[in-house]
Amino acid sequence: MRQTASTTLSPDWPCQVKTPGTHDWERTAMRWLRDLLPARYGSYSTLTRSPVLLTRHAQLQLQHEMRAVRVALETSRAELPAMGVAETVIESSIRMYAVELQQLGRLSRAVRLVGDALRVTQS
């Protein structure tokens, strides 16, 4: 765990988001959550002004990305050879997908932490 001003944060807390309770932390949290979404979502004020809605959508987005990566990982050996992809590229892509799945898992935990902190602030 990382110790900051007066709060102990989980190692999964994103470094781009200030510590809850510090000046402007909610703004950094909302910006970080928006950055996890495709750019086109930035134009939806309903989404970008509601911490709960933004957190929920970021979590859903990550869940869908994780599903897509799992499918790509699970089907690489069966589908890529027929597409003419070299074995070395297939193996590299499998490693890449495995790393990406871990990163998405960390991001998902971070979204949960930030969302929980934003909900406490909104209460």
N, C-alpha and C. Protein backbone atom coordinates (compact mmCIF):
# COMPACT_ATOMS: atom_id res chain seq x y z
N MET A 1 0.82 -1.18 0.00
CA MET A 1 0.00 0.00 0.00
C MET A 1 0.87 1.25 0.00
N ARG A 2 0.36 2.29 -0.61
CA ARG A 2 1.08 3.53 -0.76
C ARG A 2 0.51 4.53 0.24
N GLN A 3 1.37 5.18 1.01
CA GLN A 3 0.93 6.16 1.99
C GLN A 3 0.98 7.55 1.38
N THR A 4 -0.11 8.27 1.48
CA THR A 4 -0.15 9.65 1.01
C THR A 4 -0.66 10.52 2.12
N ALA A 5 -0.78 11.79 1.88
CA ALA A 5 -1.16 12.78 2.89
C ALA A 5 -1.72 12.18 4.17
N SER A 6 -2.95 11.74 4.17
CA SER A 6 -3.51 11.15 5.38
C SER A 6 -4.29 9.88 5.06
N THR A 7 -4.14 9.39 3.86
CA THR A 7 -4.90 8.23 3.41
C THR A 7 -3.96 7.18 2.86
N THR A 8 -4.23 5.92 3.22
CA THR A 8 -3.48 4.82 2.63
C THR A 8 -4.27 4.33 1.43
N LEU A 9 -3.60 4.31 0.28
CA LEU A 9 -4.25 3.89 -0.95
C LEU A 9 -3.80 2.51 -1.36
N SER A 10 -4.69 1.81 -2.03
CA SER A 10 -4.37 0.50 -2.58
C SER A 10 -3.32 0.66 -3.67
N PRO A 11 -2.49 -0.36 -3.88
CA PRO A 11 -1.54 -0.31 -5.00
C PRO A 11 -2.26 -0.21 -6.35
N ASP A 12 -3.53 -0.56 -6.38
CA ASP A 12 -4.30 -0.48 -7.63
C ASP A 12 -4.85 0.92 -7.89
N TRP A 13 -4.66 1.85 -6.93
CA TRP A 13 -5.15 3.22 -7.14
C TRP A 13 -4.36 3.84 -8.29
N PRO A 14 -5.04 4.43 -9.28
CA PRO A 14 -4.32 4.99 -10.43
C PRO A 14 -3.50 6.23 -10.06
N CYS A 15 -2.28 6.29 -10.53
CA CYS A 15 -1.39 7.41 -10.19
C CYS A 15 -1.89 8.72 -10.81
N GLN A 16 -2.74 8.66 -11.81
CA GLN A 16 -3.27 9.86 -12.45
C GLN A 16 -4.36 10.54 -11.62
N VAL A 17 -4.84 9.85 -10.58
CA VAL A 17 -5.93 10.37 -9.76
C VAL A 17 -5.38 10.77 -8.40
N LYS A 18 -5.66 12.02 -8.02
CA LYS A 18 -5.21 12.51 -6.72
C LYS A 18 -5.87 11.72 -5.60
N THR A 19 -5.30 11.81 -4.43
CA THR A 19 -5.83 11.13 -3.25
C THR A 19 -7.19 11.71 -2.86
N PRO A 20 -8.16 10.84 -2.57
CA PRO A 20 -9.47 11.34 -2.14
C PRO A 20 -9.32 12.30 -0.95
N GLY A 21 -10.08 13.36 -1.02
CA GLY A 21 -10.04 14.36 0.05
C GLY A 21 -9.09 15.50 -0.22
N THR A 22 -8.19 15.34 -1.19
CA THR A 22 -7.28 16.42 -1.52
C THR A 22 -7.95 17.35 -2.53
N HIS A 23 -7.41 18.55 -2.63
CA HIS A 23 -7.96 19.55 -3.54
C HIS A 23 -8.04 19.00 -4.97
N ASP A 24 -9.22 19.11 -5.56
CA ASP A 24 -9.41 18.81 -6.98
C ASP A 24 -9.34 17.31 -7.32
N TRP A 25 -9.40 16.45 -6.32
CA TRP A 25 -9.23 15.03 -6.61
C TRP A 25 -10.36 14.48 -7.49
N GLU A 26 -11.61 14.98 -7.25
CA GLU A 26 -12.73 14.47 -8.06
C GLU A 26 -12.54 14.79 -9.53
N ARG A 27 -12.02 15.98 -9.84
CA ARG A 27 -11.79 16.36 -11.24
C ARG A 27 -10.79 15.41 -11.89
N THR A 28 -9.73 15.05 -11.14
CA THR A 28 -8.73 14.13 -11.71
C THR A 28 -9.33 12.74 -11.89
N ALA A 29 -10.23 12.35 -10.99
CA ALA A 29 -10.88 11.05 -11.09
C ALA A 29 -11.80 11.00 -12.31
N MET A 30 -12.57 12.04 -12.50
CA MET A 30 -13.49 12.09 -13.64
C MET A 30 -12.72 12.12 -14.96
N ARG A 31 -11.64 12.87 -15.01
CA ARG A 31 -10.83 12.93 -16.24
C ARG A 31 -10.24 11.56 -16.54
N TRP A 32 -9.73 10.89 -15.50
CA TRP A 32 -9.14 9.56 -15.69
C TRP A 32 -10.18 8.57 -16.21
N LEU A 33 -11.37 8.60 -15.61
CA LEU A 33 -12.44 7.70 -16.05
C LEU A 33 -12.84 8.00 -17.50
N ARG A 34 -12.98 9.27 -17.85
CA ARG A 34 -13.32 9.65 -19.24
C ARG A 34 -12.27 9.14 -20.21
N ASP A 35 -11.01 9.22 -19.80
CA ASP A 35 -9.92 8.78 -20.69
C ASP A 35 -9.94 7.28 -20.97
N LEU A 36 -10.63 6.51 -20.15
CA LEU A 36 -10.74 5.07 -20.37
C LEU A 36 -11.75 4.72 -21.46
N LEU A 37 -12.59 5.69 -21.80
CA LEU A 37 -13.65 5.45 -22.77
C LEU A 37 -13.24 5.92 -24.15
N PRO A 38 -13.88 5.38 -25.19
CA PRO A 38 -13.63 5.91 -26.53
C PRO A 38 -13.94 7.41 -26.56
N ALA A 39 -13.20 8.16 -27.34
CA ALA A 39 -13.30 9.62 -27.36
C ALA A 39 -14.72 10.13 -27.62
N ARG A 40 -15.50 9.42 -28.41
CA ARG A 40 -16.83 9.91 -28.75
C ARG A 40 -17.73 10.07 -27.52
N TYR A 41 -17.44 9.36 -26.44
CA TYR A 41 -18.26 9.47 -25.24
C TYR A 41 -18.05 10.79 -24.51
N GLY A 42 -16.98 11.49 -24.81
CA GLY A 42 -16.71 12.77 -24.17
C GLY A 42 -17.76 13.83 -24.48
N SER A 43 -18.52 13.65 -25.53
CA SER A 43 -19.53 14.63 -25.91
C SER A 43 -20.86 14.43 -25.18
N TYR A 44 -21.01 13.37 -24.44
CA TYR A 44 -22.26 13.10 -23.72
C TYR A 44 -22.18 13.67 -22.31
N SER A 45 -22.78 14.86 -22.12
CA SER A 45 -22.67 15.51 -20.81
C SER A 45 -23.36 14.70 -19.71
N THR A 46 -24.40 13.97 -20.05
CA THR A 46 -25.07 13.12 -19.05
C THR A 46 -24.07 12.14 -18.45
N LEU A 47 -23.23 11.60 -19.29
CA LEU A 47 -22.23 10.63 -18.86
C LEU A 47 -21.08 11.31 -18.13
N THR A 48 -20.59 12.40 -18.68
CA THR A 48 -19.37 13.00 -18.14
C THR A 48 -19.61 13.86 -16.90
N ARG A 49 -20.85 14.12 -16.57
CA ARG A 49 -21.14 14.92 -15.36
C ARG A 49 -21.60 14.07 -14.18
N SER A 50 -21.82 12.80 -14.40
CA SER A 50 -22.30 11.92 -13.33
C SER A 50 -21.21 10.92 -12.96
N PRO A 51 -20.60 11.07 -11.79
CA PRO A 51 -19.55 10.13 -11.39
C PRO A 51 -20.01 8.67 -11.38
N VAL A 52 -21.22 8.44 -10.90
CA VAL A 52 -21.73 7.06 -10.82
C VAL A 52 -21.93 6.49 -12.22
N LEU A 53 -22.54 7.26 -13.11
CA LEU A 53 -22.77 6.79 -14.47
C LEU A 53 -21.45 6.60 -15.22
N LEU A 54 -20.53 7.53 -15.06
CA LEU A 54 -19.24 7.43 -15.73
C LEU A 54 -18.46 6.20 -15.24
N THR A 55 -18.47 5.98 -13.94
CA THR A 55 -17.80 4.80 -13.38
C THR A 55 -18.41 3.52 -13.92
N ARG A 56 -19.73 3.47 -13.92
CA ARG A 56 -20.42 2.27 -14.42
C ARG A 56 -20.07 2.02 -15.88
N HIS A 57 -20.08 3.06 -16.69
CA HIS A 57 -19.80 2.86 -18.11
C HIS A 57 -18.34 2.45 -18.32
N ALA A 58 -17.43 3.04 -17.57
CA ALA A 58 -16.01 2.64 -17.69
C ALA A 58 -15.85 1.17 -17.32
N GLN A 59 -16.55 0.73 -16.28
CA GLN A 59 -16.46 -0.68 -15.87
C GLN A 59 -17.02 -1.59 -16.96
N LEU A 60 -18.15 -1.21 -17.54
CA LEU A 60 -18.73 -2.00 -18.63
C LEU A 60 -17.81 -2.05 -19.84
N GLN A 61 -17.21 -0.91 -20.17
CA GLN A 61 -16.28 -0.85 -21.29
C GLN A 61 -15.12 -1.82 -21.07
N LEU A 62 -14.57 -1.81 -19.88
CA LEU A 62 -13.44 -2.71 -19.57
C LEU A 62 -13.87 -4.17 -19.62
N GLN A 63 -15.07 -4.47 -19.13
CA GLN A 63 -15.56 -5.86 -19.18
C GLN A 63 -15.66 -6.34 -20.63
N HIS A 64 -16.16 -5.48 -21.50
CA HIS A 64 -16.27 -5.85 -22.91
C HIS A 64 -14.90 -6.00 -23.56
N GLU A 65 -13.98 -5.13 -23.22
CA GLU A 65 -12.62 -5.26 -23.74
C GLU A 65 -11.99 -6.57 -23.27
N MET A 66 -12.22 -6.92 -22.02
CA MET A 66 -11.66 -8.18 -21.50
C MET A 66 -12.25 -9.37 -22.24
N ARG A 67 -13.55 -9.33 -22.53
CA ARG A 67 -14.16 -10.41 -23.30
C ARG A 67 -13.53 -10.52 -24.68
N ALA A 68 -13.34 -9.39 -25.33
CA ALA A 68 -12.75 -9.40 -26.68
C ALA A 68 -11.33 -9.96 -26.65
N VAL A 69 -10.56 -9.58 -25.65
CA VAL A 69 -9.18 -10.07 -25.55
C VAL A 69 -9.18 -11.57 -25.26
N ARG A 70 -10.09 -12.02 -24.40
CA ARG A 70 -10.18 -13.47 -24.12
C ARG A 70 -10.50 -14.26 -25.38
N VAL A 71 -11.46 -13.76 -26.17
CA VAL A 71 -11.81 -14.43 -27.43
C VAL A 71 -10.60 -14.47 -28.36
N ALA A 72 -9.91 -13.35 -28.49
CA ALA A 72 -8.72 -13.30 -29.35
C ALA A 72 -7.66 -14.28 -28.86
N LEU A 73 -7.47 -14.34 -27.56
CA LEU A 73 -6.49 -15.24 -26.96
C LEU A 73 -6.87 -16.70 -27.20
N GLU A 74 -8.13 -17.02 -26.95
CA GLU A 74 -8.60 -18.41 -27.06
C GLU A 74 -8.66 -18.92 -28.51
N THR A 75 -8.79 -18.02 -29.47
CA THR A 75 -8.96 -18.46 -30.85
C THR A 75 -7.71 -18.25 -31.72
N SER A 76 -6.69 -17.66 -31.16
CA SER A 76 -5.49 -17.34 -31.95
C SER A 76 -4.90 -18.56 -32.65
N ARG A 77 -4.66 -19.63 -31.92
CA ARG A 77 -4.01 -20.82 -32.51
C ARG A 77 -4.89 -21.51 -33.54
N ALA A 78 -6.19 -21.42 -33.37
CA ALA A 78 -7.10 -22.09 -34.31
C ALA A 78 -7.37 -21.26 -35.56
N GLU A 79 -7.46 -19.95 -35.42
CA GLU A 79 -7.89 -19.12 -36.55
C GLU A 79 -6.75 -18.44 -37.31
N LEU A 80 -5.70 -18.06 -36.63
CA LEU A 80 -4.66 -17.27 -37.29
C LEU A 80 -3.85 -18.04 -38.34
N PRO A 81 -3.55 -19.33 -38.14
CA PRO A 81 -2.80 -20.04 -39.20
C PRO A 81 -3.55 -20.03 -40.54
N ALA A 82 -4.86 -20.19 -40.50
CA ALA A 82 -5.66 -20.19 -41.73
C ALA A 82 -5.66 -18.82 -42.40
N MET A 83 -5.31 -17.79 -41.65
CA MET A 83 -5.26 -16.43 -42.20
C MET A 83 -3.86 -16.09 -42.71
N GLY A 84 -2.96 -17.09 -42.63
CA GLY A 84 -1.61 -16.90 -43.14
C GLY A 84 -0.66 -16.21 -42.17
N VAL A 85 -1.02 -16.19 -40.91
CA VAL A 85 -0.17 -15.55 -39.90
C VAL A 85 0.93 -16.52 -39.48
N ALA A 86 2.14 -16.04 -39.46
CA ALA A 86 3.29 -16.88 -39.09
C ALA A 86 3.21 -17.31 -37.63
N GLU A 87 3.75 -18.49 -37.35
CA GLU A 87 3.73 -19.05 -35.99
C GLU A 87 4.37 -18.10 -34.97
N THR A 88 5.47 -17.47 -35.36
CA THR A 88 6.13 -16.54 -34.42
C THR A 88 5.23 -15.35 -34.09
N VAL A 89 4.48 -14.89 -35.07
CA VAL A 89 3.56 -13.78 -34.84
C VAL A 89 2.39 -14.24 -33.96
N ILE A 90 1.94 -15.45 -34.18
CA ILE A 90 0.86 -16.00 -33.35
C ILE A 90 1.30 -16.08 -31.90
N GLU A 91 2.49 -16.61 -31.67
CA GLU A 91 2.99 -16.71 -30.29
C GLU A 91 3.16 -15.34 -29.65
N SER A 92 3.66 -14.38 -30.43
CA SER A 92 3.79 -13.01 -29.91
C SER A 92 2.44 -12.41 -29.57
N SER A 93 1.46 -12.67 -30.42
CA SER A 93 0.13 -12.11 -30.17
C SER A 93 -0.50 -12.74 -28.92
N ILE A 94 -0.26 -14.02 -28.71
CA ILE A 94 -0.78 -14.69 -27.51
C ILE A 94 -0.17 -14.07 -26.25
N ARG A 95 1.14 -13.82 -26.29
CA ARG A 95 1.78 -13.15 -25.14
C ARG A 95 1.21 -11.75 -24.94
N MET A 96 1.02 -11.03 -26.04
CA MET A 96 0.46 -9.68 -25.97
C MET A 96 -0.93 -9.71 -25.35
N TYR A 97 -1.79 -10.64 -25.80
CA TYR A 97 -3.14 -10.72 -25.25
C TYR A 97 -3.12 -11.07 -23.76
N ALA A 98 -2.22 -11.92 -23.35
CA ALA A 98 -2.12 -12.29 -21.94
C ALA A 98 -1.73 -11.07 -21.09
N VAL A 99 -0.78 -10.29 -21.57
CA VAL A 99 -0.37 -9.07 -20.86
C VAL A 99 -1.53 -8.07 -20.82
N GLU A 100 -2.21 -7.91 -21.93
CA GLU A 100 -3.33 -6.97 -22.01
C GLU A 100 -4.44 -7.38 -21.05
N LEU A 101 -4.71 -8.65 -20.93
CA LEU A 101 -5.74 -9.13 -20.01
C LEU A 101 -5.38 -8.77 -18.57
N GLN A 102 -4.10 -8.91 -18.21
CA GLN A 102 -3.66 -8.52 -16.87
C GLN A 102 -3.83 -7.01 -16.66
N GLN A 103 -3.45 -6.23 -17.65
CA GLN A 103 -3.57 -4.77 -17.54
C GLN A 103 -5.03 -4.35 -17.41
N LEU A 104 -5.91 -4.97 -18.18
CA LEU A 104 -7.33 -4.66 -18.08
C LEU A 104 -7.89 -5.03 -16.71
N GLY A 105 -7.41 -6.13 -16.15
CA GLY A 105 -7.83 -6.51 -14.80
C GLY A 105 -7.42 -5.47 -13.77
N ARG A 106 -6.19 -4.96 -13.89
CA ARG A 106 -5.73 -3.90 -12.97
C ARG A 106 -6.56 -2.63 -13.15
N LEU A 107 -6.83 -2.27 -14.39
CA LEU A 107 -7.66 -1.09 -14.64
C LEU A 107 -9.07 -1.26 -14.06
N SER A 108 -9.61 -2.44 -14.20
CA SER A 108 -10.94 -2.72 -13.66
C SER A 108 -10.97 -2.55 -12.14
N ARG A 109 -9.94 -3.06 -11.47
CA ARG A 109 -9.86 -2.87 -10.01
C ARG A 109 -9.72 -1.39 -9.66
N ALA A 110 -8.94 -0.66 -10.44
CA ALA A 110 -8.75 0.77 -10.19
C ALA A 110 -10.06 1.53 -10.38
N VAL A 111 -10.82 1.19 -11.42
CA VAL A 111 -12.11 1.85 -11.64
C VAL A 111 -13.03 1.60 -10.46
N ARG A 112 -13.03 0.38 -9.95
CA ARG A 112 -13.86 0.06 -8.80
C ARG A 112 -13.47 0.91 -7.59
N LEU A 113 -12.18 1.05 -7.34
CA LEU A 113 -11.70 1.85 -6.21
C LEU A 113 -12.08 3.32 -6.36
N VAL A 114 -11.83 3.87 -7.55
CA VAL A 114 -12.16 5.28 -7.79
C VAL A 114 -13.66 5.49 -7.70
N GLY A 115 -14.44 4.60 -8.27
CA GLY A 115 -15.89 4.71 -8.18
C GLY A 115 -16.40 4.67 -6.76
N ASP A 116 -15.85 3.77 -5.96
CA ASP A 116 -16.25 3.69 -4.55
C ASP A 116 -15.93 5.00 -3.84
N ALA A 117 -14.77 5.56 -4.08
CA ALA A 117 -14.36 6.82 -3.45
C ALA A 117 -15.26 7.97 -3.92
N LEU A 118 -15.60 8.01 -5.19
CA LEU A 118 -16.49 9.06 -5.69
C LEU A 118 -17.88 8.94 -5.08
N ARG A 119 -18.37 7.72 -4.90
CA ARG A 119 -19.69 7.54 -4.30
C ARG A 119 -19.71 8.01 -2.85
N VAL A 120 -18.63 7.77 -2.13
CA VAL A 120 -18.53 8.24 -0.73
C VAL A 120 -18.59 9.76 -0.71
N THR A 121 -17.90 10.39 -1.63
CA THR A 121 -17.88 11.85 -1.71
C THR A 121 -19.26 12.40 -2.03
N GLN A 122 -20.01 11.70 -2.89
CA GLN A 122 -21.32 12.15 -3.30
C GLN A 122 -22.38 11.97 -2.21
N SER A 123 -22.10 11.11 -1.24
CA SER A 123 -23.09 10.81 -0.18
C SER A 123 -23.30 11.97 0.77
